[in-house]
Protein backbone atom coordinates (compact mmCIF):
# COMPACT_ATOMS: atom_id res chain seq x y z
CA MET A 1 -23.29 50.72 8.70
CA PHE A 2 -23.71 53.22 11.49
CA LEU A 3 -20.10 52.78 12.53
CA TYR A 4 -19.06 53.51 8.94
CA PHE A 5 -21.27 56.62 8.84
CA THR A 6 -19.84 57.83 12.14
CA GLN A 7 -16.21 57.26 11.17
CA TYR A 8 -16.25 58.48 7.58
CA GLN A 9 -19.20 60.88 7.53
CA PRO A 10 -20.00 60.46 3.84
CA PRO A 11 -21.35 63.68 2.29
CA ASN A 12 -24.30 62.03 0.52
CA PRO A 13 -27.25 61.44 2.88
CA ASP A 14 -28.78 58.89 0.49
CA TRP A 15 -27.25 55.49 0.88
CA PHE A 16 -27.79 51.95 -0.28
CA ALA A 17 -26.46 48.65 0.96
CA ILE A 18 -26.15 45.64 -1.30
CA VAL A 19 -26.44 42.11 0.01
CA ILE A 20 -25.69 39.19 -2.30
CA TYR A 21 -27.14 35.80 -1.39
CA ASP A 22 -26.47 32.57 -3.20
CA LYS A 23 -30.20 31.79 -3.03
CA ARG A 24 -33.31 33.40 -1.62
CA SER A 25 -33.76 30.70 1.04
CA ASN A 26 -30.51 31.80 2.72
CA GLU A 27 -31.68 35.35 3.25
CA ARG A 28 -31.76 36.22 6.91
CA SER A 29 -34.41 38.26 8.56
CA TYR A 30 -33.71 41.49 10.39
CA PRO A 31 -35.19 42.54 13.71
CA GLN A 32 -38.40 44.52 13.37
CA ARG A 33 -36.87 47.71 14.81
CA TYR A 34 -34.39 47.87 11.87
CA ARG A 35 -36.75 46.98 9.02
CA SER A 36 -38.19 50.46 8.53
CA LEU A 37 -34.67 51.82 8.27
CA LEU A 38 -33.35 49.11 5.96
CA GLU A 39 -36.22 48.62 3.54
CA PRO A 40 -35.73 51.79 1.46
CA HIS A 41 -31.95 51.35 1.43
CA LEU A 42 -31.27 47.64 1.17
CA ARG A 43 -30.89 45.97 -2.25
CA ARG A 44 -30.82 42.19 -2.35
CA PHE A 45 -29.47 40.03 -5.16
CA TYR A 46 -29.82 36.28 -5.45
CA LEU A 47 -27.15 34.58 -7.53
CA ASP A 48 -29.37 31.65 -8.47
CA GLU A 49 -31.91 34.08 -9.96
CA LEU A 50 -29.55 35.88 -12.33
CA ASP A 51 -30.69 33.84 -15.33
CA GLY A 52 -32.82 36.73 -16.56
CA ALA A 53 -29.95 39.22 -16.44
CA PRO A 54 -28.26 40.27 -19.70
CA ASP A 55 -25.42 37.98 -20.80
CA ASP A 56 -23.30 40.76 -22.24
CA SER A 57 -22.30 42.30 -18.91
CA LEU A 58 -18.78 41.43 -17.73
CA GLY A 59 -19.68 42.33 -14.14
CA ILE A 60 -22.76 40.12 -14.01
CA GLY A 61 -20.78 37.38 -15.73
CA ILE A 62 -18.20 37.45 -12.96
CA VAL A 63 -20.93 37.23 -10.33
CA ARG A 64 -22.48 34.32 -12.25
CA LEU A 65 -19.11 32.58 -12.28
CA VAL A 66 -19.36 32.30 -8.50
CA ILE A 67 -22.39 29.99 -8.78
CA GLU A 68 -21.33 28.00 -11.86
CA SER A 69 -20.11 24.48 -11.24
CA GLY A 70 -17.52 22.13 -12.71
CA ASN A 71 -16.72 22.19 -16.41
CA LYS A 72 -19.32 24.88 -17.01
CA ALA A 73 -17.32 27.21 -14.72
CA ARG A 74 -14.12 26.45 -16.65
CA GLU A 75 -15.63 27.38 -19.98
CA PHE A 76 -17.48 30.35 -18.56
CA ALA A 77 -14.25 31.68 -17.00
CA LYS A 78 -12.51 31.42 -20.38
CA THR A 79 -15.36 33.37 -21.97
CA LEU A 80 -15.09 36.07 -19.29
CA ILE A 81 -11.32 36.30 -19.75
CA ASN A 82 -11.78 36.80 -23.49
CA LYS A 83 -14.46 39.43 -22.82
CA ALA A 84 -12.18 41.26 -20.38
CA ASN A 85 -9.30 41.20 -22.88
CA GLU A 86 -11.55 42.59 -25.61
CA GLU A 87 -13.50 45.20 -23.64
CA LEU A 88 -11.07 46.60 -21.09
CA THR A 89 -8.49 49.07 -22.32
CA ASP A 90 -7.02 50.05 -18.94
CA THR A 91 -4.28 47.47 -18.31
CA LEU A 92 -4.45 47.83 -14.53
CA ILE A 93 -8.20 47.21 -14.42
CA GLN A 94 -7.85 44.38 -16.92
CA ARG A 95 -5.17 42.71 -14.80
CA LYS A 96 -7.26 43.07 -11.62
CA ILE A 97 -10.32 41.55 -13.33
CA LEU A 98 -8.27 38.64 -14.67
CA GLU A 99 -6.78 38.06 -11.21
CA PHE A 100 -10.29 38.11 -9.71
CA ILE A 101 -11.56 35.55 -12.22
CA GLU A 102 -8.51 33.41 -11.50
CA THR A 103 -9.17 33.69 -7.74
CA ILE A 104 -12.76 32.51 -8.17
CA ILE A 105 -11.52 29.50 -10.15
CA VAL A 106 -8.86 28.74 -7.51
CA TYR A 107 -11.61 28.50 -4.90
CA LYS A 108 -13.78 26.38 -7.19
CA PHE A 109 -10.94 23.94 -7.94
CA PRO A 110 -8.87 23.73 -4.74
CA ASN A 111 -7.15 20.52 -5.87
CA LEU A 112 -5.51 22.19 -8.88
CA SER A 113 -2.12 23.87 -8.69
CA PRO A 114 -1.77 27.52 -9.73
CA GLU A 115 0.04 26.40 -12.89
CA GLU A 116 -2.76 23.98 -13.79
CA ILE A 117 -5.30 26.78 -13.35
CA LYS A 118 -3.26 29.18 -15.50
CA THR A 119 -3.02 26.50 -18.18
CA MET A 120 -6.73 25.66 -17.91
CA LEU A 121 -7.68 29.32 -18.36
CA ASN A 122 -4.98 30.02 -20.98
CA LEU A 123 -3.63 32.78 -18.73
CA ASN A 124 -0.08 32.02 -19.85
CA LEU A 125 -1.10 33.32 -23.27
CA LEU A 126 -1.90 36.67 -21.66
CA LYS A 127 1.81 37.28 -21.11
CA GLN A 128 2.33 37.13 -24.85
CA THR A 129 -0.19 39.86 -25.68
CA LYS A 130 0.95 43.32 -26.73
CA VAL A 131 -0.99 44.96 -23.87
CA TYR A 132 0.79 42.79 -21.29
CA GLN A 133 4.22 43.40 -22.82
CA GLU A 134 3.64 47.18 -22.94
CA ALA A 135 2.53 47.22 -19.31
CA LYS A 136 5.57 45.19 -18.32
CA GLU A 137 7.93 47.57 -20.13
CA GLU A 138 6.16 50.57 -18.60
CA GLY A 139 6.68 49.07 -15.14
CA LYS A 140 10.39 48.52 -15.83
CA LEU A 141 10.80 52.12 -16.97
CA GLU A 142 9.07 53.44 -13.83
CA THR A 143 11.41 51.37 -11.67
CA LYS A 144 14.46 52.70 -13.50
CA LEU A 145 13.27 56.29 -13.13
CA LYS A 146 12.78 55.78 -9.39
CA MET A 147 16.43 54.68 -9.14
CA ILE A 148 17.78 57.97 -10.56
CA PRO A 149 17.63 60.01 -7.29
CA ILE A 150 19.40 57.22 -5.41
CA LEU A 151 22.18 57.04 -7.99
CA LEU A 152 22.51 60.83 -7.93
CA GLU A 153 22.99 60.71 -4.15
CA LEU A 154 25.77 58.17 -4.69
CA GLY A 155 27.54 60.72 -6.86
CA LEU A 156 27.05 59.23 -10.31
CA SER A 157 26.94 61.59 -13.28
CA VAL A 158 23.96 61.83 -15.62
CA GLN A 159 25.95 59.91 -18.24
CA GLN A 160 26.81 57.13 -15.77
CA ILE A 161 23.21 56.88 -14.57
CA ALA A 162 21.93 56.61 -18.14
CA GLU A 163 24.47 53.89 -18.92
CA ARG A 164 23.77 51.90 -15.74
CA LEU A 165 20.00 52.04 -16.21
CA GLU A 166 20.16 51.61 -19.99
CA LEU A 167 18.28 54.88 -20.51
CA ASP A 168 18.61 57.68 -23.01
CA VAL A 169 20.75 60.49 -21.51
CA GLU A 170 18.03 63.06 -22.27
CA GLU A 171 15.40 60.96 -20.49
CA ALA A 172 17.66 60.73 -17.43
CA ARG A 173 18.34 64.48 -17.56
CA LYS A 174 14.62 65.26 -17.83
CA THR A 175 13.83 63.08 -14.81
CA ILE A 176 16.59 64.75 -12.79
CA GLN A 177 15.16 68.20 -13.60
CA GLU A 178 11.72 67.08 -12.35
CA ILE A 179 13.13 66.04 -8.98
């Protein structure tokens, strides 16, 4: 922590550290000389004691997934994926959350192939959703727009660039003006 404070010099003097343990019995003790410094700033969470936490939180659900076992983890992961698809409107955040859930399941079921995990979690269905398709198309458009300066340097006309990239001529022209 002190190395972080020295290197980055955060502007806020109040700080908190979060330590997540799987169970209270695995908590380690700190030397006496550090306790007075840590006590007001250290927050501890025990995954096996999250039963009293609200079930409607996606974040707590993901943390709970870490301690779930077997078939219960499979079903719980599916529930979290549905919740993420329903609640998250930002496609980038949604994709990152889904990847994180998938990563947790990969570690829980090391004997399954990536395809088996995608099938188990119905992640292949995600590619068929409107949100996924729109994000994919948006990514393709960004890639095409990044190609315009390169094609200009090669001496292609606006018309040729638009044809090669399958873009509207006006869209290509607008991008060129922004360069």
